[in-house]
Amino acid sequence: MDLEYHVISTLVEDKPGVLQKVAGLFNRRGFNIDSITVGNSEVEGLSRMVISVHADKKGLEQVTKQLNKLVDVIKIKDITKTAVKRELCLVKVNVPNEKARAEIMQYTNIFRAKILDVTEETLVIELTGDKKKINAFISLVENYGIKRIARTGLTAMARGV
């Protein structure tokens, strides 16, 4: 089985249980969803769901057909090749001394991140970008000791018209 990375944008009715129905279809096909984000769309009463998943072509085609049959699903599009992709990450990093604080602040500037909270022992940093950028930042600061990480998962939008 040859699994490929896919980003699926889905427009759905903004009703309770829709997320569970959509995730359930992927689950029944044996796909592990890498991330799923849901939020209001540009159309009142509809939400946009962005799903990232590793799946084979045939299996993803079957899931897409089943999703199209759901009454609550309005539109589905695979935007893998055309997407602008971003993720939000909050990282709470230990600050053992002033030298470490200066180094972490320098990394924060280089990665165009923001410091949201400062204490004597920690910094909370907000970072947005693609998965590689966030992972690179985390690997740089993990030597100082990471207290907490919270990641939103992928959100994406097709480029162009």
Protein backbone atom coordinates (compact mmCIF):
# COMPACT_ATOMS: atom_id res chain seq x y z
CA MET A 1 0.00 0.00 0.00
CA ASP A 2 1.49 3.30 -1.15
CA LEU A 3 0.37 6.09 1.21
CA GLU A 4 0.55 9.68 0.02
CA TYR A 5 0.05 12.92 1.93
CA HIS A 6 -3.23 14.71 1.15
CA VAL A 7 -4.84 17.95 2.30
CA ILE A 8 -8.62 17.90 1.93
CA SER A 9 -10.74 21.05 2.25
CA THR A 10 -14.37 20.35 3.02
CA LEU A 11 -17.29 22.74 3.33
CA VAL A 12 -19.88 21.32 5.75
CA GLU A 13 -23.08 22.31 7.53
CA ASP A 14 -22.33 23.95 10.87
CA LYS A 15 -24.24 21.39 12.96
CA PRO A 16 -23.44 19.12 15.91
CA GLY A 17 -22.08 15.70 14.95
CA VAL A 18 -20.75 16.59 11.48
CA LEU A 19 -17.11 16.40 12.59
CA GLN A 20 -17.74 12.97 14.08
CA LYS A 21 -19.39 11.70 10.87
CA VAL A 22 -16.53 12.94 8.68
CA ALA A 23 -13.79 11.60 10.98
CA GLY A 24 -15.67 8.31 11.27
CA LEU A 25 -15.51 7.75 7.52
CA PHE A 26 -11.73 8.08 7.56
CA ASN A 27 -11.55 5.83 10.62
CA ARG A 28 -13.64 3.09 8.97
CA ARG A 29 -11.23 3.10 6.02
CA GLY A 30 -8.32 2.65 8.43
CA PHE A 31 -6.74 6.06 7.83
CA ASN A 32 -5.16 7.95 10.69
CA ILE A 33 -5.98 11.63 10.36
CA ASP A 34 -2.76 13.64 10.86
CA SER A 35 -4.71 16.78 11.73
CA ILE A 36 -8.18 18.19 11.40
CA THR A 37 -9.17 21.80 11.90
CA VAL A 38 -12.68 23.23 11.74
CA GLY A 39 -13.89 26.80 11.79
CA ASN A 40 -16.45 29.19 10.38
CA SER A 41 -16.27 29.72 6.64
CA GLU A 42 -17.08 32.69 4.44
CA VAL A 43 -20.67 31.40 4.16
CA GLU A 44 -22.97 31.78 7.17
CA GLY A 45 -24.11 28.41 8.52
CA LEU A 46 -21.22 26.53 6.92
CA SER A 47 -17.87 25.51 8.37
CA ARG A 48 -14.62 24.73 6.62
CA MET A 49 -12.90 21.53 7.66
CA VAL A 50 -9.25 21.00 6.66
CA ILE A 51 -8.08 17.40 6.97
CA SER A 52 -4.52 16.21 6.46
CA VAL A 53 -4.10 12.48 6.04
CA HIS A 54 -1.78 9.85 4.61
CA ALA A 55 -3.83 7.61 2.33
CA ASP A 56 -3.56 5.55 -0.81
CA LYS A 57 -5.23 6.98 -3.90
CA LYS A 58 -7.95 4.32 -4.15
CA GLY A 59 -8.91 4.51 -0.48
CA LEU A 60 -9.03 8.31 -0.52
CA GLU A 61 -11.23 8.20 -3.62
CA GLN A 62 -13.67 5.88 -1.81
CA VAL A 63 -13.75 8.10 1.30
CA THR A 64 -14.36 11.16 -0.89
CA LYS A 65 -17.30 9.44 -2.62
CA GLN A 66 -18.77 8.47 0.76
CA LEU A 67 -18.28 12.01 2.10
CA ASN A 68 -20.13 13.41 -0.93
CA LYS A 69 -23.11 11.21 0.00
CA LEU A 70 -23.40 12.80 3.46
CA VAL A 71 -26.21 15.38 3.56
CA ASP A 72 -24.12 17.71 5.77
CA VAL A 73 -21.18 17.81 3.33
CA ILE A 74 -21.50 20.58 0.74
CA LYS A 75 -18.16 20.47 -1.10
CA ILE A 76 -14.90 18.51 -0.98
CA LYS A 77 -11.63 19.41 -2.66
CA ASP A 78 -8.15 17.88 -2.51
CA ILE A 79 -5.92 20.97 -2.28
CA THR A 80 -2.66 19.13 -1.65
CA LYS A 81 -0.78 20.57 -4.62
CA THR A 82 -2.25 24.09 -4.57
CA ALA A 83 -2.52 24.84 -0.85
CA VAL A 84 -1.04 27.57 1.27
CA LYS A 85 -0.51 25.64 4.53
CA ARG A 86 0.01 26.98 8.04
CA GLU A 87 0.00 25.78 11.61
CA LEU A 88 0.04 27.67 14.90
CA CYS A 89 2.23 26.48 17.75
CA LEU A 90 2.64 27.71 21.32
CA VAL A 91 5.84 26.59 23.06
CA LYS A 92 6.69 27.11 26.73
CA VAL A 93 10.48 26.95 27.04
CA ASN A 94 12.65 26.80 30.17
CA VAL A 95 14.98 29.75 30.63
CA PRO A 96 17.79 28.48 32.89
CA ASN A 97 19.83 31.71 32.74
CA GLU A 98 20.18 35.09 31.00
CA LYS A 99 22.43 33.70 28.26
CA ALA A 100 19.78 31.12 27.39
CA ARG A 101 17.08 33.83 27.44
CA ALA A 102 19.06 35.89 24.92
CA GLU A 103 19.63 32.87 22.66
CA ILE A 104 15.96 31.85 22.73
CA MET A 105 14.92 35.44 22.00
CA GLN A 106 17.32 35.48 19.06
CA TYR A 107 15.79 32.24 17.67
CA THR A 108 12.35 33.80 18.16
CA ASN A 109 13.37 36.80 16.03
CA ILE A 110 14.96 34.65 13.32
CA PHE A 111 11.79 32.53 13.02
CA ARG A 112 9.54 35.64 13.14
CA ALA A 113 7.81 34.28 16.22
CA LYS A 114 6.31 36.26 19.11
CA ILE A 115 6.97 36.09 22.82
CA LEU A 116 3.59 36.06 24.55
CA ASP A 117 4.57 35.54 28.17
CA VAL A 118 7.74 36.10 30.17
CA THR A 119 8.58 34.83 33.65
CA GLU A 120 11.90 34.36 35.38
CA GLU A 121 11.87 30.65 34.50
CA THR A 122 10.01 30.43 31.15
CA LEU A 123 9.06 32.06 27.87
CA VAL A 124 5.85 31.29 25.98
CA ILE A 125 6.43 31.68 22.26
CA GLU A 126 3.88 31.81 19.43
CA LEU A 127 5.02 30.56 16.04
CA THR A 128 3.15 30.17 12.76
CA GLY A 129 4.35 28.49 9.62
CA ASP A 130 4.56 25.18 7.87
CA LYS A 131 5.32 21.96 9.70
CA LYS A 132 9.03 22.03 8.79
CA LYS A 133 9.51 25.55 10.19
CA ILE A 134 7.77 24.70 13.45
CA ASN A 135 9.68 21.45 13.85
CA ALA A 136 12.97 23.27 13.17
CA PHE A 137 12.21 25.86 15.86
CA ILE A 138 11.25 23.18 18.37
CA SER A 139 14.47 21.25 17.71
CA LEU A 140 16.51 24.43 18.35
CA VAL A 141 14.89 25.22 21.70
CA GLU A 142 14.39 21.69 23.02
CA ASN A 143 17.91 21.69 24.51
CA TYR A 144 16.75 24.38 26.97
CA GLY A 145 13.86 22.16 28.06
CA ILE A 146 10.36 22.39 26.71
CA LYS A 147 7.65 22.55 29.37
CA ARG A 148 4.64 22.44 27.02
CA ILE A 149 3.75 22.43 23.34
CA ALA A 150 0.30 23.13 21.90
CA ARG A 151 -0.18 22.86 18.13
CA THR A 152 -3.33 23.67 16.21
CA GLY A 153 -2.85 21.26 13.38
CA LEU A 154 -2.82 22.25 9.74
CA THR A 155 -5.09 24.81 8.20
CA ALA A 156 -4.89 25.46 4.48
CA MET A 157 -6.41 27.24 1.52
CA ALA A 158 -6.03 26.72 -2.20
CA ARG A 159 -4.01 29.38 -4.00
CA GLY A 160 -5.51 31.56 -6.70
CA VAL A 161 -9.12 32.06 -7.72
